[in-house]
Amino acid sequence: MNPSTEVRDGLVAAIPNLRAFAMSLCGRSAWADDLVQETLVRAWSKSDSYKDGTNLMAWLFTILRNEFYSQLRKRKREVEDIDGEEASRLTSVPDQLPNLDLQDFHAALALLPEDQREAIVLIGASGFSYEEAAEIMGCAVGTVKSRLSRARTRLTEILEGDELSSAPAR
């Protein structure tokens, strides 16, 4: 790709007019400069599609105008977020810690004696009353309350201590 002399000379001569047109479209000098630069790059890379003797300025202005509207469409989809405020609202809370807590709870629950684990699962997880749990477990209500109390105390000790790190993996 080797632009013709007409295109090379015309590009340089058109810069002030292109900049004025770009400023009239967007109203901001930095954006206008970007539009002119992009227009020149596109014109240079597509110079083989320009036919010598036709209206070079019209061709360049069309490229600039099309670039302007392409950028406008793109900017509509973008959110200007100079201070990061928008981005901070898009973050999500990591879910690793709750998952690790749940894994720790399951591991601690597995360390409880079976009768205590059964009491805490029936009452705490399944929502049965003391009476219903006592019937299911085949024991007195007082026994269920006692097992539940011991299970809660033991779970707290396990979860607050370092027993989980020394417990065998299941």
Protein backbone atom coordinates (compact mmCIF):
# COMPACT_ATOMS: atom_id res chain seq x y z
CA MET A 1 0.00 0.00 0.00
CA ASN A 2 1.61 3.17 -1.20
CA PRO A 3 -0.73 6.17 -1.23
CA SER A 4 -0.66 8.42 -4.26
CA THR A 5 0.95 11.82 -4.09
CA GLU A 6 -2.52 13.41 -4.22
CA VAL A 7 -3.59 11.48 -1.09
CA ARG A 8 -0.33 12.12 0.81
CA ASP A 9 -0.40 15.86 0.13
CA GLY A 10 -4.16 16.04 0.60
CA LEU A 11 -4.03 14.40 4.03
CA VAL A 12 -1.57 16.95 5.37
CA ALA A 13 -3.46 19.87 3.83
CA ALA A 14 -6.80 18.63 5.21
CA ILE A 15 -5.76 18.47 8.88
CA PRO A 16 -6.96 21.98 9.88
CA ASN A 17 -10.32 21.47 8.13
CA LEU A 18 -10.72 18.00 9.63
CA ARG A 19 -9.97 19.35 13.10
CA ALA A 20 -12.51 22.15 12.71
CA PHE A 21 -15.14 19.66 11.54
CA ALA A 22 -14.31 17.31 14.41
CA MET A 23 -14.62 20.15 16.93
CA SER A 24 -18.02 21.06 15.48
CA LEU A 25 -19.16 17.47 15.97
CA CYS A 26 -17.87 16.71 19.45
CA GLY A 27 -16.99 20.05 21.04
CA ARG A 28 -13.94 18.75 22.94
CA SER A 29 -10.44 19.31 21.63
CA ALA A 30 -8.96 16.05 22.92
CA TRP A 31 -11.75 14.04 21.34
CA ALA A 32 -11.47 16.09 18.13
CA ASP A 33 -7.75 15.36 17.95
CA ASP A 34 -8.47 11.64 18.41
CA LEU A 35 -11.06 11.75 15.63
CA VAL A 36 -8.66 13.49 13.25
CA GLN A 37 -5.90 11.04 14.07
CA GLU A 38 -8.16 8.05 13.55
CA THR A 39 -9.41 9.56 10.27
CA LEU A 40 -5.86 10.00 8.99
CA VAL A 41 -4.89 6.45 9.98
CA ARG A 42 -7.96 4.99 8.28
CA ALA A 43 -7.49 7.11 5.17
CA TRP A 44 -3.84 6.08 4.95
CA SER A 45 -4.64 2.38 5.38
CA LYS A 46 -7.53 2.53 2.88
CA SER A 47 -5.83 4.86 0.40
CA ASP A 48 -6.10 2.20 -2.30
CA SER A 49 -9.91 2.65 -2.22
CA TYR A 50 -9.61 6.37 -3.00
CA LYS A 51 -9.78 7.23 -6.70
CA ASP A 52 -7.45 10.04 -7.76
CA GLY A 53 -9.28 13.03 -9.14
CA THR A 54 -12.37 12.61 -6.92
CA ASN A 55 -13.16 14.85 -3.96
CA LEU A 56 -10.55 13.93 -1.32
CA MET A 57 -12.02 16.31 1.29
CA ALA A 58 -15.46 14.72 0.97
CA TRP A 59 -13.89 11.28 1.36
CA LEU A 60 -11.95 12.37 4.50
CA PHE A 61 -14.97 14.12 6.03
CA THR A 62 -17.05 10.98 5.47
CA ILE A 63 -14.43 8.88 7.24
CA LEU A 64 -14.31 11.35 10.14
CA ARG A 65 -18.10 11.55 10.40
CA ASN A 66 -18.45 7.74 10.37
CA GLU A 67 -15.75 7.43 13.03
CA PHE A 68 -17.51 10.03 15.18
CA TYR A 69 -20.82 8.14 15.07
CA SER A 70 -19.09 4.81 15.69
CA GLN A 71 -17.46 6.27 18.80
CA LEU A 72 -20.78 7.73 19.94
CA ARG A 73 -22.45 4.33 19.70
CA LYS A 74 -19.54 2.78 21.57
CA ARG A 75 -19.62 5.45 24.30
CA LYS A 76 -23.33 4.86 24.90
CA ARG A 77 -22.45 1.34 26.02
CA GLU A 78 -19.58 2.51 28.21
CA VAL A 79 -19.77 4.03 31.66
CA GLU A 80 -17.40 6.88 32.45
CA ASP A 81 -15.93 6.02 35.81
CA ILE A 82 -13.03 8.34 36.56
CA ASP A 83 -13.03 7.88 40.34
CA GLY A 84 -13.93 4.16 40.30
CA GLU A 85 -17.29 4.67 41.98
CA GLU A 86 -19.24 2.70 39.38
CA ALA A 87 -16.73 -0.13 39.41
CA SER A 88 -16.92 -0.37 43.20
CA ARG A 89 -20.66 -0.99 42.92
CA LEU A 90 -20.10 -3.83 40.47
CA THR A 91 -17.91 -5.87 42.75
CA SER A 92 -19.29 -8.94 44.41
CA VAL A 93 -18.51 -10.23 47.85
CA PRO A 94 -16.25 -13.27 47.63
CA ASP A 95 -18.02 -16.45 48.61
CA GLN A 96 -14.95 -18.45 49.64
CA LEU A 97 -15.15 -17.63 53.35
CA PRO A 98 -18.75 -18.76 53.86
CA ASN A 99 -17.93 -21.96 51.96
CA LEU A 100 -14.89 -22.54 54.16
CA ASP A 101 -16.98 -21.86 57.27
CA LEU A 102 -19.54 -24.42 56.12
CA GLN A 103 -16.79 -26.96 55.45
CA ASP A 104 -15.39 -26.32 58.93
CA PHE A 105 -18.85 -26.79 60.43
CA HIS A 106 -19.33 -30.10 58.62
CA ALA A 107 -15.91 -31.28 59.78
CA ALA A 108 -16.67 -30.24 63.38
CA LEU A 109 -20.06 -31.92 63.23
CA ALA A 110 -18.37 -35.15 62.13
CA LEU A 111 -16.19 -35.03 65.28
CA LEU A 112 -19.23 -35.11 67.59
CA PRO A 113 -20.42 -38.37 69.11
CA GLU A 114 -23.28 -39.86 67.11
CA ASP A 115 -25.99 -39.17 69.73
CA GLN A 116 -25.01 -35.47 69.98
CA ARG A 117 -24.75 -35.13 66.20
CA GLU A 118 -28.20 -36.68 65.82
CA ALA A 119 -29.71 -34.26 68.36
CA ILE A 120 -28.21 -31.15 66.75
CA VAL A 121 -29.23 -32.24 63.25
CA LEU A 122 -32.81 -33.09 64.23
CA ILE A 123 -33.39 -29.88 66.20
CA GLY A 124 -31.01 -27.38 64.66
CA ALA A 125 -31.06 -28.38 60.99
CA SER A 126 -34.35 -30.22 60.54
CA GLY A 127 -36.42 -28.01 62.83
CA PHE A 128 -38.03 -30.71 64.96
CA SER A 129 -39.25 -29.82 68.44
CA TYR A 130 -37.62 -31.41 71.51
CA GLU A 131 -40.60 -33.71 71.86
CA GLU A 132 -40.48 -34.81 68.20
CA ALA A 133 -36.72 -35.37 68.39
CA ALA A 134 -37.15 -37.39 71.60
CA GLU A 135 -39.71 -39.58 69.88
CA ILE A 136 -37.48 -40.08 66.82
CA MET A 137 -34.41 -40.83 69.00
CA GLY A 138 -36.38 -43.05 71.38
CA CYS A 139 -35.38 -41.22 74.57
CA ALA A 140 -36.69 -38.68 77.09
CA VAL A 141 -37.03 -34.96 76.24
CA GLY A 142 -34.51 -34.15 78.98
CA THR A 143 -31.98 -36.46 77.35
CA VAL A 144 -32.44 -34.69 74.00
CA LYS A 145 -31.93 -31.29 75.67
CA SER A 146 -28.81 -32.54 77.41
CA ARG A 147 -27.34 -34.03 74.21
CA LEU A 148 -28.13 -30.84 72.31
CA SER A 149 -26.49 -28.67 74.96
CA ARG A 150 -23.35 -30.84 74.99
CA ALA A 151 -23.28 -30.83 71.16
CA ARG A 152 -23.47 -27.03 71.01
CA THR A 153 -20.76 -26.63 73.60
CA ARG A 154 -18.51 -29.15 71.87
CA LEU A 155 -19.07 -27.57 68.41
CA THR A 156 -18.10 -24.19 69.82
CA GLU A 157 -14.94 -25.65 71.36
CA ILE A 158 -14.00 -27.38 68.10
CA LEU A 159 -14.69 -24.37 65.88
CA GLU A 160 -12.88 -21.91 68.17
CA GLY A 161 -9.92 -24.20 68.79
CA ASP A 162 -7.46 -25.83 66.45
CA GLU A 163 -8.96 -29.32 66.55
CA LEU A 164 -10.07 -29.13 62.90
CA SER A 165 -6.51 -28.72 61.66
CA SER A 166 -5.44 -31.86 63.52
CA ALA A 167 -8.55 -33.88 62.70
CA PRO A 168 -8.19 -36.67 60.14
CA ALA A 169 -9.57 -35.82 56.70
CA ARG A 170 -12.87 -37.48 55.80
